[in-house]
Amino acid sequence: MSSTEVDFEAFARANAHQLYRTAWLLTADSYHADDLVQETLGKLFGVWGRVRRMEKPAAYAQTVLTRTFISQRRRRSWHEQPTDVVPELPVSDDDHELRLLVMQALEGLPALDRAVLVLRFFEDRSVEQVARDLGKSAGAIKNRTARALVRVRAVLGDVAVIAL
């Protein structure tokens, strides 16, 4: 293996968990999240020589992941695959209902609005960082955030006030 490949593998191992976390929050599906992370890492590997010299390659990876998600959702081929069997997944948190409500609220948002909320509140990024990552103005991000939060609050109702 070349030093470039070794360097990329170390980067991928160190950042895969955070990329997967963001991907899962965006897609609300573990299989789509896996695919999104793999596609992101594939894109990064193709330009790794340039990316590894960046000041924050992990932040660039998050940007690629988010833009790939938005691009996938815009395609007409994007659709859910129904199944007869729903896998039982263990949940470690005590508040299952809140988690389900938050995921339901996020699923009802357009892809760009979901990306804005995930990056702003789950990834704890500033408006300016999100604007830079998504190639939008700070004002556009503020507007999208406000509109998306209204939609989320409509789904969460009183739970939003108590939990958030």
Protein backbone atom coordinates (compact mmCIF):
# COMPACT_ATOMS: atom_id res chain seq x y z
CA MET A 1 0.00 0.00 0.00
CA SER A 2 1.25 3.49 -0.81
CA SER A 3 1.64 6.17 1.83
CA THR A 4 -1.35 8.00 0.33
CA GLU A 5 -3.55 4.92 0.76
CA VAL A 6 -2.30 4.38 4.32
CA ASP A 7 -2.92 8.04 5.12
CA PHE A 8 -6.45 7.89 3.68
CA GLU A 9 -7.24 4.66 5.53
CA ALA A 10 -6.18 6.26 8.82
CA PHE A 11 -8.36 9.28 8.06
CA ALA A 12 -11.35 7.09 7.16
CA ARG A 13 -11.01 5.00 10.33
CA ALA A 14 -10.73 8.10 12.51
CA ASN A 15 -13.74 9.88 10.95
CA ALA A 16 -16.10 7.09 9.86
CA HIS A 17 -18.10 7.13 13.10
CA GLN A 18 -18.81 10.87 12.94
CA LEU A 19 -19.66 10.65 9.23
CA TYR A 20 -22.02 7.75 9.92
CA ARG A 21 -23.71 9.63 12.76
CA THR A 22 -24.42 12.60 10.52
CA ALA A 23 -25.49 10.33 7.66
CA TRP A 24 -27.91 8.45 9.89
CA LEU A 25 -29.45 11.67 11.15
CA LEU A 26 -29.87 12.85 7.57
CA THR A 27 -31.26 9.62 6.12
CA ALA A 28 -32.97 8.07 9.18
CA ASP A 29 -31.96 4.68 7.81
CA SER A 30 -28.85 2.67 8.65
CA TYR A 31 -28.50 1.17 5.15
CA HIS A 32 -28.79 4.53 3.40
CA ALA A 33 -26.40 6.00 5.97
CA ASP A 34 -23.84 3.27 5.21
CA ASP A 35 -24.20 3.93 1.48
CA LEU A 36 -23.88 7.67 1.98
CA VAL A 37 -20.69 7.29 4.04
CA GLN A 38 -19.20 4.90 1.47
CA GLU A 39 -20.02 7.24 -1.40
CA THR A 40 -18.52 10.15 0.53
CA LEU A 41 -15.33 8.24 1.29
CA GLY A 42 -15.10 7.18 -2.36
CA LYS A 43 -15.33 10.78 -3.49
CA LEU A 44 -12.72 11.82 -0.93
CA PHE A 45 -10.33 9.07 -1.98
CA GLY A 46 -10.42 10.34 -5.54
CA VAL A 47 -9.14 13.76 -4.46
CA TRP A 48 -7.26 12.73 -1.33
CA GLY A 49 -3.97 14.24 -2.49
CA ARG A 50 -5.58 17.70 -2.36
CA VAL A 51 -7.84 17.05 0.65
CA ARG A 52 -5.12 15.79 2.98
CA ARG A 53 -3.30 19.12 2.65
CA MET A 54 -6.37 21.02 3.86
CA GLU A 55 -6.44 22.53 7.32
CA LYS A 56 -9.60 20.58 8.29
CA PRO A 57 -10.15 17.55 6.05
CA ALA A 58 -12.83 16.18 8.44
CA ALA A 59 -14.92 19.32 7.96
CA TYR A 60 -14.54 18.97 4.20
CA ALA A 61 -15.69 15.34 4.49
CA GLN A 62 -18.83 16.49 6.34
CA THR A 63 -19.51 19.00 3.57
CA VAL A 64 -19.12 16.33 0.90
CA LEU A 65 -21.43 14.01 2.85
CA THR A 66 -24.12 16.68 3.23
CA ARG A 67 -23.99 17.75 -0.41
CA THR A 68 -24.06 14.13 -1.55
CA PHE A 69 -27.17 13.55 0.58
CA ILE A 70 -28.93 16.57 -0.90
CA SER A 71 -27.94 15.54 -4.41
CA GLN A 72 -29.25 11.99 -3.85
CA ARG A 73 -32.59 13.26 -2.59
CA ARG A 74 -33.04 15.43 -5.66
CA ARG A 75 -32.77 12.44 -7.97
CA ARG A 76 -36.02 10.88 -9.09
CA SER A 77 -34.59 7.44 -8.43
CA TRP A 78 -34.50 8.10 -4.68
CA HIS A 79 -37.25 6.13 -2.98
CA GLU A 80 -37.90 4.02 0.05
CA GLN A 81 -37.85 0.26 -0.20
CA PRO A 82 -40.76 -1.34 1.67
CA THR A 83 -40.09 -4.54 3.58
CA ASP A 84 -42.19 -7.16 5.31
CA VAL A 85 -39.83 -7.48 8.26
CA VAL A 86 -38.70 -4.61 10.46
CA PRO A 87 -35.44 -5.44 12.25
CA GLU A 88 -35.39 -5.10 16.00
CA LEU A 89 -32.60 -2.72 16.95
CA PRO A 90 -31.45 -2.18 20.52
CA VAL A 91 -31.84 1.37 21.81
CA SER A 92 -29.64 2.62 24.60
CA ASP A 93 -31.43 5.87 25.48
CA ASP A 94 -34.36 5.98 27.87
CA ASP A 95 -36.46 8.39 25.86
CA HIS A 96 -37.57 6.29 22.89
CA GLU A 97 -40.71 8.28 22.16
CA LEU A 98 -38.84 11.57 21.87
CA ARG A 99 -36.28 10.02 19.53
CA LEU A 100 -39.06 8.68 17.32
CA LEU A 101 -40.84 12.03 17.31
CA VAL A 102 -37.66 13.89 16.38
CA MET A 103 -36.94 11.42 13.57
CA GLN A 104 -40.53 11.74 12.34
CA ALA A 105 -40.24 15.51 12.37
CA LEU A 106 -36.94 15.40 10.46
CA GLU A 107 -38.32 12.95 7.89
CA GLY A 108 -41.09 15.42 7.04
CA LEU A 109 -38.61 18.10 6.00
CA PRO A 110 -37.11 18.71 2.57
CA ALA A 111 -33.53 17.44 2.28
CA LEU A 112 -31.91 20.87 2.48
CA ASP A 113 -33.95 21.88 5.54
CA ARG A 114 -33.07 18.60 7.25
CA ALA A 115 -29.41 19.13 6.45
CA VAL A 116 -29.52 22.64 7.90
CA LEU A 117 -31.10 21.46 11.18
CA VAL A 118 -28.78 18.47 11.54
CA LEU A 119 -25.69 20.58 10.93
CA ARG A 120 -26.86 23.47 13.12
CA PHE A 121 -28.20 21.58 16.12
CA PHE A 122 -26.88 18.01 16.07
CA GLU A 123 -23.42 18.89 14.73
CA ASP A 124 -23.45 22.19 16.68
CA ARG A 125 -22.18 24.33 13.80
CA SER A 126 -22.60 28.06 13.47
CA VAL A 127 -24.81 29.66 10.84
CA GLU A 128 -21.69 30.80 8.99
CA GLN A 129 -20.20 27.28 8.98
CA VAL A 130 -23.41 25.75 7.66
CA ALA A 131 -23.71 28.48 5.01
CA ARG A 132 -20.16 27.81 3.89
CA ASP A 133 -20.67 24.02 3.89
CA LEU A 134 -23.87 24.21 1.86
CA GLY A 135 -22.80 27.03 -0.43
CA LYS A 136 -25.60 29.34 0.74
CA SER A 137 -25.71 32.77 2.35
CA ALA A 138 -26.00 33.11 6.12
CA GLY A 139 -29.38 34.78 5.65
CA ALA A 140 -30.65 31.83 3.63
CA ILE A 141 -29.53 29.45 6.36
CA LYS A 142 -31.26 31.55 9.03
CA ASN A 143 -34.48 31.57 6.99
CA ARG A 144 -34.34 27.83 6.36
CA THR A 145 -33.62 27.19 10.03
CA ALA A 146 -36.58 29.26 11.16
CA ARG A 147 -39.00 27.65 8.69
CA ALA A 148 -37.75 24.14 9.43
CA LEU A 149 -38.06 24.69 13.19
CA VAL A 150 -41.67 25.79 12.77
CA ARG A 151 -42.38 22.52 10.95
CA VAL A 152 -40.53 20.46 13.56
CA ARG A 153 -42.35 22.17 16.42
CA ALA A 154 -45.66 21.44 14.71
CA VAL A 155 -44.83 17.73 14.80
CA LEU A 156 -43.31 17.69 18.30
CA GLY A 157 -45.92 19.92 19.95
CA ASP A 158 -45.56 20.21 23.72
CA VAL A 159 -42.74 17.64 23.75
CA ALA A 160 -40.49 20.18 22.03
CA VAL A 161 -40.88 22.67 24.86
CA ILE A 162 -40.21 20.08 27.55
CA ALA A 163 -37.35 18.17 25.89
CA LEU A 164 -35.59 20.86 23.94
